[in-house]
Amino acid sequence: TAAFVLGVPVGTAIGNALGWRAAFTIIGVVVAVLALVIV
């Protein structure tokens, strides 16, 4: 649910402001950080 509340809308906003490639880069970094949280 948070992905629809924040993730997709914020990703859309980032894509509109900085380009869709920036949105994919940022989510890639965040995913790596969450892997460390799981550990």
Full PDB file with SEQRES, HELIX, SHEET, SSBOND, CRYST1, ORIGX, SCALE, CONECT and MASTER records, all heavy atoms in Angstrom:
SEQRES   1 A   39  THR ALA ALA PHE VAL LEU GLY VAL PRO VAL GLY THR ALA          
SEQRES   2 A   39  ILE GLY ASN ALA LEU GLY TRP ARG ALA ALA PHE THR ILE          
SEQRES   3 A   39  ILE GLY VAL VAL VAL ALA VAL LEU ALA LEU VAL ILE VAL          
HELIX    1 AA1 ALA A    2  ALA A    2  1                                   1    
HELIX    2 AA2 ALA A    3  GLY A    7  3                                   5    
HELIX    3 AA3 VAL A    8  LEU A   18  1                                  11    
HELIX    4 AA4 TRP A   20  ILE A   38  1                                  19    
CRYST1    1.000    1.000    1.000  90.00  90.00  90.00 P 1           1          
ORIGX1      1.000000  0.000000  0.000000        0.00000                         
ORIGX2      0.000000  1.000000  0.000000        0.00000                         
ORIGX3      0.000000  0.000000  1.000000        0.00000                         
SCALE1      1.000000  0.000000  0.000000        0.00000                         
SCALE2      0.000000  1.000000  0.000000        0.00000                         
SCALE3      0.000000  0.000000  1.000000        0.00000                         
ATOM      1  N   THR A   1       0.828  -1.203   0.000  1.00  0.00           N  
ATOM      2  CA  THR A   1       0.000   0.000   0.000  1.00  0.00           C  
ATOM      3  C   THR A   1       0.865   1.256   0.000  1.00  0.00           C  
ATOM      4  O   THR A   1       0.584   2.223  -0.717  1.00  0.00           O  
ATOM      5  CB  THR A   1      -0.924  -0.002   1.230  1.00  0.00           C  
ATOM      6  OG1 THR A   1      -1.753  -1.156   1.182  1.00  0.00           O  
ATOM      7  CG2 THR A   1      -1.802   1.243   1.252  1.00  0.00           C  
ATOM      8  N   ALA A   2       1.935   1.246   0.794  1.00  0.00           N  
ATOM      9  CA  ALA A   2       2.842   2.393   0.835  1.00  0.00           C  
ATOM     10  C   ALA A   2       3.486   2.639  -0.521  1.00  0.00           C  
ATOM     11  O   ALA A   2       3.797   3.781  -0.876  1.00  0.00           O  
ATOM     12  CB  ALA A   2       3.915   2.178   1.899  1.00  0.00           C  
ATOM     13  N   ALA A   3       3.669   1.566  -1.287  1.00  0.00           N  
ATOM     14  CA  ALA A   3       4.226   1.727  -2.628  1.00  0.00           C  
ATOM     15  C   ALA A   3       3.296   2.564  -3.499  1.00  0.00           C  
ATOM     16  O   ALA A   3       3.746   3.390  -4.303  1.00  0.00           O  
ATOM     17  CB  ALA A   3       4.466   0.357  -3.263  1.00  0.00           C  
ATOM     18  N   PHE A   4       1.977   2.344  -3.341  1.00  0.00           N  
ATOM     19  CA  PHE A   4       1.021   3.138  -4.105  1.00  0.00           C  
ATOM     20  C   PHE A   4       0.843   4.529  -3.507  1.00  0.00           C  
ATOM     21  O   PHE A   4       0.574   5.497  -4.224  1.00  0.00           O  
ATOM     22  CB  PHE A   4      -0.318   2.412  -4.178  1.00  0.00           C  
ATOM     23  CG  PHE A   4      -0.273   1.167  -5.018  1.00  0.00           C  
ATOM     24  CD1 PHE A   4      -0.324  -0.085  -4.428  1.00  0.00           C  
ATOM     25  CD2 PHE A   4      -0.167   1.243  -6.396  1.00  0.00           C  
ATOM     26  CE1 PHE A   4      -0.272  -1.236  -5.196  1.00  0.00           C  
ATOM     27  CE2 PHE A   4      -0.114   0.097  -7.174  1.00  0.00           C  
ATOM     28  CZ  PHE A   4      -0.164  -1.146  -6.570  1.00  0.00           C  
ATOM     29  N   VAL A   5       0.992   4.635  -2.162  1.00  0.00           N  
ATOM     30  CA  VAL A   5       0.855   5.932  -1.507  1.00  0.00           C  
ATOM     31  C   VAL A   5       2.044   6.827  -1.803  1.00  0.00           C  
ATOM     32  O   VAL A   5       1.894   8.007  -2.142  1.00  0.00           O  
ATOM     33  CB  VAL A   5       0.720   5.751   0.020  1.00  0.00           C  
ATOM     34  CG1 VAL A   5       0.680   7.101   0.727  1.00  0.00           C  
ATOM     35  CG2 VAL A   5      -0.526   4.964   0.360  1.00  0.00           C  
ATOM     36  N   LEU A   6       3.257   6.274  -1.669  1.00  0.00           N  
ATOM     37  CA  LEU A   6       4.476   7.067  -1.792  1.00  0.00           C  
ATOM     38  C   LEU A   6       5.343   6.656  -2.970  1.00  0.00           C  
ATOM     39  O   LEU A   6       5.794   7.494  -3.741  1.00  0.00           O  
ATOM     40  CB  LEU A   6       5.300   6.965  -0.504  1.00  0.00           C  
ATOM     41  CG  LEU A   6       4.692   7.575   0.755  1.00  0.00           C  
ATOM     42  CD1 LEU A   6       5.585   7.272   1.959  1.00  0.00           C  
ATOM     43  CD2 LEU A   6       4.515   9.077   0.591  1.00  0.00           C  
ATOM     44  N   GLY A   7       5.587   5.342  -3.088  1.00  0.00           N  
ATOM     45  CA  GLY A   7       6.560   4.880  -4.065  1.00  0.00           C  
ATOM     46  C   GLY A   7       6.244   5.277  -5.489  1.00  0.00           C  
ATOM     47  O   GLY A   7       7.040   5.972  -6.145  1.00  0.00           O  
ATOM     48  N   VAL A   8       5.079   4.854  -6.000  1.00  0.00           N  
ATOM     49  CA  VAL A   8       4.733   5.150  -7.386  1.00  0.00           C  
ATOM     50  C   VAL A   8       4.486   6.645  -7.605  1.00  0.00           C  
ATOM     51  O   VAL A   8       5.010   7.221  -8.569  1.00  0.00           O  
ATOM     52  CB  VAL A   8       3.515   4.306  -7.832  1.00  0.00           C  
ATOM     53  CG1 VAL A   8       3.076   4.687  -9.241  1.00  0.00           C  
ATOM     54  CG2 VAL A   8       3.868   2.815  -7.780  1.00  0.00           C  
ATOM     55  N   PRO A   9       3.719   7.331  -6.728  1.00  0.00           N  
ATOM     56  CA  PRO A   9       3.545   8.776  -6.943  1.00  0.00           C  
ATOM     57  C   PRO A   9       4.847   9.566  -6.854  1.00  0.00           C  
ATOM     58  O   PRO A   9       5.089  10.458  -7.676  1.00  0.00           O  
ATOM     59  CB  PRO A   9       2.585   9.181  -5.800  1.00  0.00           C  
ATOM     60  CG  PRO A   9       1.865   7.929  -5.464  1.00  0.00           C  
ATOM     61  CD  PRO A   9       2.863   6.836  -5.642  1.00  0.00           C  
ATOM     62  N   VAL A  10       5.708   9.247  -5.868  1.00  0.00           N  
ATOM     63  CA  VAL A  10       6.983   9.960  -5.765  1.00  0.00           C  
ATOM     64  C   VAL A  10       7.866   9.626  -6.962  1.00  0.00           C  
ATOM     65  O   VAL A  10       8.547  10.498  -7.513  1.00  0.00           O  
ATOM     66  CB  VAL A  10       7.697   9.612  -4.438  1.00  0.00           C  
ATOM     67  CG1 VAL A  10       9.128  10.133  -4.437  1.00  0.00           C  
ATOM     68  CG2 VAL A  10       6.931  10.195  -3.263  1.00  0.00           C  
ATOM     69  N   GLY A  11       7.852   8.348  -7.367  1.00  0.00           N  
ATOM     70  CA  GLY A  11       8.603   7.981  -8.564  1.00  0.00           C  
ATOM     71  C   GLY A  11       8.107   8.729  -9.790  1.00  0.00           C  
ATOM     72  O   GLY A  11       8.902   9.167 -10.627  1.00  0.00           O  
ATOM     73  N   THR A  12       6.783   8.896  -9.894  1.00  0.00           N  
ATOM     74  CA  THR A  12       6.206   9.659 -11.000  1.00  0.00           C  
ATOM     75  C   THR A  12       6.643  11.118 -10.942  1.00  0.00           C  
ATOM     76  O   THR A  12       7.006  11.715 -11.969  1.00  0.00           O  
ATOM     77  CB  THR A  12       4.668   9.574 -10.961  1.00  0.00           C  
ATOM     78  OG1 THR A  12       4.271   8.206 -11.051  1.00  0.00           O  
ATOM     79  CG2 THR A  12       4.050  10.351 -12.110  1.00  0.00           C  
ATOM     80  N   ALA A  13       6.622  11.683  -9.727  1.00  0.00           N  
ATOM     81  CA  ALA A  13       7.043  13.079  -9.562  1.00  0.00           C  
ATOM     82  C   ALA A  13       8.520  13.256  -9.915  1.00  0.00           C  
ATOM     83  O   ALA A  13       8.903  14.224 -10.575  1.00  0.00           O  
ATOM     84  CB  ALA A  13       6.777  13.532  -8.131  1.00  0.00           C  
ATOM     85  N   ILE A  14       9.356  12.321  -9.473  1.00  0.00           N  
ATOM     86  CA  ILE A  14      10.779  12.383  -9.809  1.00  0.00           C  
ATOM     87  C   ILE A  14      10.974  12.253 -11.311  1.00  0.00           C  
ATOM     88  O   ILE A  14      11.785  12.973 -11.924  1.00  0.00           O  
ATOM     89  CB  ILE A  14      11.556  11.265  -9.068  1.00  0.00           C  
ATOM     90  CG1 ILE A  14      11.581  11.547  -7.567  1.00  0.00           C  
ATOM     91  CG2 ILE A  14      12.986  11.143  -9.603  1.00  0.00           C  
ATOM     92  CD1 ILE A  14      12.156  10.406  -6.748  1.00  0.00           C  
ATOM     93  N   GLY A  15      10.210  11.324 -11.918  1.00  0.00           N  
ATOM     94  CA  GLY A  15      10.312  11.153 -13.363  1.00  0.00           C  
ATOM     95  C   GLY A  15       9.913  12.404 -14.122  1.00  0.00           C  
ATOM     96  O   GLY A  15      10.550  12.771 -15.111  1.00  0.00           O  
ATOM     97  N   ASN A  16       8.877  13.093 -13.647  1.00  0.00           N  
ATOM     98  CA  ASN A  16       8.436  14.328 -14.305  1.00  0.00           C  
ATOM     99  C   ASN A  16       9.454  15.447 -14.132  1.00  0.00           C  
ATOM    100  O   ASN A  16       9.635  16.288 -15.023  1.00  0.00           O  
ATOM    101  CB  ASN A  16       7.083  14.772 -13.753  1.00  0.00           C  
ATOM    102  CG  ASN A  16       5.958  13.847 -14.198  1.00  0.00           C  
ATOM    103  OD1 ASN A  16       6.051  13.183 -15.223  1.00  0.00           O  
ATOM    104  ND2 ASN A  16       4.882  13.808 -13.418  1.00  0.00           N  
ATOM    105  N   ALA A  17      10.127  15.472 -12.953  1.00  0.00           N  
ATOM    106  CA  ALA A  17      11.069  16.549 -12.661  1.00  0.00           C  
ATOM    107  C   ALA A  17      12.469  16.278 -13.205  1.00  0.00           C  
ATOM    108  O   ALA A  17      13.117  17.185 -13.748  1.00  0.00           O  
ATOM    109  CB  ALA A  17      11.145  16.767 -11.145  1.00  0.00           C  
ATOM    110  N   LEU A  18      12.955  15.053 -13.065  1.00  0.00           N  
ATOM    111  CA  LEU A  18      14.348  14.737 -13.394  1.00  0.00           C  
ATOM    112  C   LEU A  18      14.489  13.745 -14.545  1.00  0.00           C  
ATOM    113  O   LEU A  18      15.608  13.485 -14.986  1.00  0.00           O  
ATOM    114  CB  LEU A  18      15.062  14.170 -12.153  1.00  0.00           C  
ATOM    115  CG  LEU A  18      15.062  15.047 -10.901  1.00  0.00           C  
ATOM    116  CD1 LEU A  18      15.745  14.308  -9.752  1.00  0.00           C  
ATOM    117  CD2 LEU A  18      15.747  16.381 -11.179  1.00  0.00           C  
ATOM    118  N   GLY A  19      13.370  13.171 -14.973  1.00  0.00           N  
ATOM    119  CA  GLY A  19      13.430  12.159 -16.022  1.00  0.00           C  
ATOM    120  C   GLY A  19      13.184  10.767 -15.455  1.00  0.00           C  
ATOM    121  O   GLY A  19      13.525  10.483 -14.310  1.00  0.00           O  
ATOM    122  N   TRP A  20      12.600   9.895 -16.295  1.00  0.00           N  
ATOM    123  CA  TRP A  20      12.244   8.566 -15.812  1.00  0.00           C  
ATOM    124  C   TRP A  20      13.462   7.735 -15.436  1.00  0.00           C  
ATOM    125  O   TRP A  20      13.387   6.876 -14.554  1.00  0.00           O  
ATOM    126  CB  TRP A  20      11.391   7.840 -16.850  1.00  0.00           C  
ATOM    127  CG  TRP A  20      12.084   7.501 -18.138  1.00  0.00           C  
ATOM    128  CD1 TRP A  20      12.141   8.258 -19.273  1.00  0.00           C  
ATOM    129  CD2 TRP A  20      12.811   6.298 -18.430  1.00  0.00           C  
ATOM    130  NE1 TRP A  20      12.860   7.618 -20.255  1.00  0.00           N  
ATOM    131  CE2 TRP A  20      13.276   6.404 -19.774  1.00  0.00           C  
ATOM    132  CE3 TRP A  20      13.103   5.154 -17.715  1.00  0.00           C  
ATOM    133  CZ2 TRP A  20      14.032   5.415 -20.389  1.00  0.00           C  
ATOM    134  CZ3 TRP A  20      13.857   4.142 -18.321  1.00  0.00           C  
ATOM    135  CH2 TRP A  20      14.309   4.281 -19.646  1.00  0.00           C  
ATOM    136  N   ARG A  21      14.605   8.010 -16.069  1.00  0.00           N  
ATOM    137  CA  ARG A  21      15.816   7.260 -15.736  1.00  0.00           C  
ATOM    138  C   ARG A  21      16.286   7.546 -14.316  1.00  0.00           C  
ATOM    139  O   ARG A  21      16.773   6.643 -13.607  1.00  0.00           O  
ATOM    140  CB  ARG A  21      16.918   7.575 -16.749  1.00  0.00           C  
ATOM    141  CG  ARG A  21      16.574   7.138 -18.170  1.00  0.00           C  
ATOM    142  CD  ARG A  21      17.694   7.473 -19.154  1.00  0.00           C  
ATOM    143  NE  ARG A  21      17.299   7.169 -20.524  1.00  0.00           N  
ATOM    144  CZ  ARG A  21      17.403   5.972 -21.092  1.00  0.00           C  
ATOM    145  NH1 ARG A  21      17.904   4.961 -20.396  1.00  0.00           N  
ATOM    146  NH2 ARG A  21      17.029   5.792 -22.341  1.00  0.00           N  
ATOM    147  N   ALA A  22      16.129   8.777 -13.883  1.00  0.00           N  
ATOM    148  CA  ALA A  22      16.495   9.128 -12.508  1.00  0.00           C  
ATOM    149  C   ALA A  22      15.610   8.383 -11.518  1.00  0.00           C  
ATOM    150  O   ALA A  22      16.080   7.936 -10.459  1.00  0.00           O  
ATOM    151  CB  ALA A  22      16.373  10.638 -12.301  1.00  0.00           C  
ATOM    152  N   ALA A  23      14.322   8.235 -11.847  1.00  0.00           N  
ATOM    153  CA  ALA A  23      13.412   7.519 -10.959  1.00  0.00           C  
ATOM    154  C   ALA A  23      13.844   6.067 -10.791  1.00  0.00           C  
ATOM    155  O   ALA A  23      13.850   5.526  -9.663  1.00  0.00           O  
ATOM    156  CB  ALA A  23      11.983   7.583 -11.517  1.00  0.00           C  
ATOM    157  N   PHE A  24      14.239   5.400 -11.878  1.00  0.00           N  
ATOM    158  CA  PHE A  24      14.697   4.015 -11.785  1.00  0.00           C  
ATOM    159  C   PHE A  24      16.009   3.909 -11.000  1.00  0.00           C  
ATOM    160  O   PHE A  24      16.217   2.957 -10.239  1.00  0.00           O  
ATOM    161  CB  PHE A  24      14.862   3.415 -13.182  1.00  0.00           C  
ATOM    162  CG  PHE A  24      13.604   2.837 -13.744  1.00  0.00           C  
ATOM    163  CD1 PHE A  24      12.784   3.589 -14.577  1.00  0.00           C  
ATOM    164  CD2 PHE A  24      13.219   1.540 -13.443  1.00  0.00           C  
ATOM    165  CE1 PHE A  24      11.614   3.053 -15.108  1.00  0.00           C  
ATOM    166  CE2 PHE A  24      12.041   1.003 -13.956  1.00  0.00           C  
ATOM    167  CZ  PHE A  24      11.237   1.763 -14.792  1.00  0.00           C  
ATOM    168  N   THR A  25      16.899   4.867 -11.185  1.00  0.00           N  
ATOM    169  CA  THR A  25      18.168   4.849 -10.452  1.00  0.00           C  
ATOM    170  C   THR A  25      17.939   4.965  -8.953  1.00  0.00           C  
ATOM    171  O   THR A  25      18.516   4.211  -8.149  1.00  0.00           O  
ATOM    172  CB  THR A  25      19.071   6.006 -10.918  1.00  0.00           C  
ATOM    173  OG1 THR A  25      19.324   5.881 -12.315  1.00  0.00           O  
ATOM    174  CG2 THR A  25      20.390   5.988 -10.167  1.00  0.00           C  
ATOM    175  N   ILE A  26      17.087   5.897  -8.568  1.00  0.00           N  
ATOM    176  CA  ILE A  26      16.840   6.129  -7.144  1.00  0.00           C  
ATOM    177  C   ILE A  26      16.184   4.912  -6.499  1.00  0.00           C  
ATOM    178  O   ILE A  26      16.577   4.495  -5.403  1.00  0.00           O  
ATOM    179  CB  ILE A  26      15.982   7.393  -6.964  1.00  0.00           C  
ATOM    180  CG1 ILE A  26      16.807   8.635  -7.334  1.00  0.00           C  
ATOM    181  CG2 ILE A  26      15.475   7.507  -5.523  1.00  0.00           C  
ATOM    182  CD1 ILE A  26      16.011   9.908  -7.403  1.00  0.00           C  
ATOM    183  N   ILE A  27      15.197   4.310  -7.163  1.00  0.00           N  
ATOM    184  CA  ILE A  27      14.550   3.137  -6.562  1.00  0.00           C  
ATOM    185  C   ILE A  27      15.536   1.977  -6.470  1.00  0.00           C  
ATOM    186  O   ILE A  27      15.499   1.189  -5.520  1.00  0.00           O  
ATOM    187  CB  ILE A  27      13.282   2.734  -7.349  1.00  0.00           C  
ATOM    188  CG1 ILE A  27      12.503   1.656  -6.575  1.00  0.00           C  
ATOM    189  CG2 ILE A  27      13.618   2.208  -8.719  1.00  0.00           C  
ATOM    190  CD1 ILE A  27      12.047   2.049  -5.216  1.00  0.00           C  
ATOM    191  N   GLY A  28      16.477   1.883  -7.411  1.00  0.00           N  
ATOM    192  CA  GLY A  28      17.496   0.844  -7.320  1.00  0.00           C  
ATOM    193  C   GLY A  28      18.357   0.994  -6.084  1.00  0.00           C  
ATOM    194  O   GLY A  28      18.659   0.009  -5.389  1.00  0.00           O  
ATOM    195  N   VAL A  29      18.740   2.221  -5.777  1.00  0.00           N  
ATOM    196  CA  VAL A  29      19.540   2.482  -4.577  1.00  0.00           C  
ATOM    197  C   VAL A  29      18.747   2.168  -3.311  1.00  0.00           C  
ATOM    198  O   VAL A  29      19.253   1.555  -2.366  1.00  0.00           O  
ATOM    199  CB  VAL A  29      20.022   3.949  -4.562  1.00  0.00           C  
ATOM    200  CG1 VAL A  29      20.699   4.277  -3.241  1.00  0.00           C  
ATOM    201  CG2 VAL A  29      20.985   4.198  -5.726  1.00  0.00           C  
ATOM    202  N   VAL A  30      17.474   2.572  -3.292  1.00  0.00           N  
ATOM    203  CA  VAL A  30      16.631   2.324  -2.116  1.00  0.00           C  
ATOM    204  C   VAL A  30      16.437   0.821  -1.890  1.00  0.00           C  
ATOM    205  O   VAL A  30      16.434   0.351  -0.749  1.00  0.00           O  
ATOM    206  CB  VAL A  30      15.266   3.037  -2.270  1.00  0.00           C  
ATOM    207  CG1 VAL A  30      14.343   2.680  -1.116  1.00  0.00           C  
ATOM    208  CG2 VAL A  30      15.465   4.545  -2.332  1.00  0.00           C  
ATOM    209  N   VAL A  31      16.279   0.059  -2.961  1.00  0.00           N  
ATOM    210  CA  VAL A  31      16.137  -1.396  -2.827  1.00  0.00           C  
ATOM    211  C   VAL A  31      17.381  -1.993  -2.169  1.00  0.00           C  
ATOM    212  O   VAL A  31      17.287  -2.854  -1.280  1.00  0.00           O  
ATOM    213  CB  VAL A  31      15.889  -2.053  -4.197  1.00  0.00           C  
ATOM    214  CG1 VAL A  31      15.951  -3.577  -4.074  1.00  0.00           C  
ATOM    215  CG2 VAL A  31      14.535  -1.646  -4.751  1.00  0.00           C  
ATOM    216  N   ALA A  32      18.560  -1.549  -2.589  1.00  0.00           N  
ATOM    217  CA  ALA A  32      19.806  -2.048  -1.997  1.00  0.00           C  
ATOM    218  C   ALA A  32      19.878  -1.733  -0.505  1.00  0.00           C  
ATOM    219  O   ALA A  32      20.329  -2.555   0.305  1.00  0.00           O  
ATOM    220  CB  ALA A  32      21.012  -1.449  -2.727  1.00  0.00           C  
ATOM    221  N   VAL A  33      19.420  -0.543  -0.123  1.00  0.00           N  
ATOM    222  CA  VAL A  33      19.409  -0.170   1.299  1.00  0.00           C  
ATOM    223  C   VAL A  33      18.468  -1.083   2.089  1.00  0.00           C  
ATOM    224  O   VAL A  33      18.790  -1.527   3.200  1.00  0.00           O  
ATOM    225  CB  VAL A  33      18.994   1.312   1.462  1.00  0.00           C  
ATOM    226  CG1 VAL A  33      18.751   1.645   2.931  1.00  0.00           C  
ATOM    227  CG2 VAL A  33      20.060   2.224   0.878  1.00  0.00           C  
ATOM    228  N   LEU A  34      17.307  -1.401   1.512  1.00  0.00           N  
ATOM    229  CA  LEU A  34      16.354  -2.273   2.206  1.00  0.00           C  
ATOM    230  C   LEU A  34      16.899  -3.687   2.364  1.00  0.00           C  
ATOM    231  O   LEU A  34      16.554  -4.391   3.319  1.00  0.00           O  
ATOM    232  CB  LEU A  34      15.016  -2.285   1.475  1.00  0.00           C  
ATOM    233  CG  LEU A  34      13.927  -1.390   2.082  1.00  0.00           C  
ATOM    234  CD1 LEU A  34      13.521  -1.883   3.470  1.00  0.00           C  
ATOM    235  CD2 LEU A  34      14.386   0.065   2.151  1.00  0.00           C  
ATOM    236  N   ALA A  35      17.749  -4.118   1.452  1.00  0.00           N  
ATOM    237  CA  ALA A  35      18.385  -5.429   1.610  1.00  0.00           C  
ATOM    238  C   ALA A  35      19.219  -5.454   2.887  1.00  0.00           C  
ATOM    239  O   ALA A  35      19.239  -6.455   3.621  1.00  0.00           O  
ATOM    240  CB  ALA A  35      19.247  -5.757   0.394  1.00  0.00           C  
ATOM    241  N   LEU A  36      19.897  -4.358   3.187  1.00  0.00           N  
ATOM    242  CA  LEU A  36      20.682  -4.270   4.422  1.00  0.00           C  
ATOM    243  C   LEU A  36      19.777  -4.252   5.652  1.00  0.00           C  
ATOM    244  O   LEU A  36      20.122  -4.826   6.694  1.00  0.00           O  
ATOM    245  CB  LEU A  36      21.557  -3.011   4.387  1.00  0.00           C  
ATOM    246  CG  LEU A  36      22.594  -2.939   3.256  1.00  0.00           C  
ATOM    247  CD1 LEU A  36      23.349  -1.617   3.319  1.00  0.00           C  
ATOM    248  CD2 LEU A  36      23.557  -4.116   3.344  1.00  0.00           C  
ATOM    249  N   VAL A  37      18.631  -3.606   5.543  1.00  0.00           N  
ATOM    250  CA  VAL A  37      17.671  -3.594   6.651  1.00  0.00           C  
ATOM    251  C   VAL A  37      17.194  -5.017   6.959  1.00  0.00           C  
ATOM    252  O   VAL A  37      17.073  -5.415   8.119  1.00  0.00           O  
ATOM    253  CB  VAL A  37      16.471  -2.684   6.309  1.00  0.00           C  
ATOM    254  CG1 VAL A  37      15.369  -2.820   7.357  1.00  0.00           C  
ATOM    255  CG2 VAL A  37      16.931  -1.230   6.205  1.00  0.00           C  
ATOM    256  N   ILE A  38      16.934  -5.798   5.914  1.00  0.00           N  
ATOM    257  CA  ILE A  38      16.510  -7.186   6.093  1.00  0.00           C  
ATOM    258  C   ILE A  38      17.602  -7.988   6.810  1.00  0.00           C  
ATOM    259  O   ILE A  38      17.316  -8.781   7.720  1.00  0.00           O  
ATOM    260  CB  ILE A  38      16.185  -7.832   4.730  1.00  0.00           C  
ATOM    261  CG1 ILE A  38      14.900  -7.222   4.148  1.00  0.00           C  
ATOM    262  CG2 ILE A  38      16.053  -9.351   4.856  1.00  0.00           C  
ATOM    263  CD1 ILE A  38      13.654  -7.534   4.926  1.00  0.00           C  
ATOM    264  N   VAL A  39      18.844  -7.800   6.410  1.00  0.00           N  
ATOM    265  CA  VAL A  39      19.963  -8.494   7.061  1.00  0.00           C  
ATOM    266  C   VAL A  39      19.973  -8.208   8.555  1.00  0.00           C  
ATOM    267  O   VAL A  39      20.193  -9.101   9.386  1.00  0.00           O  
ATOM    268  CB  VAL A  39      21.303  -8.079   6.422  1.00  0.00           C  
ATOM    269  CG1 VAL A  39      22.481  -8.628   7.238  1.00  0.00           C  
ATOM    270  CG2 VAL A  39      21.394  -8.574   4.988  1.00  0.00           C  
TER     271      VAL A  39                                                      
MASTER        0    0    0    4    0    0    0    6  270    1    0    3          
END                                                                             
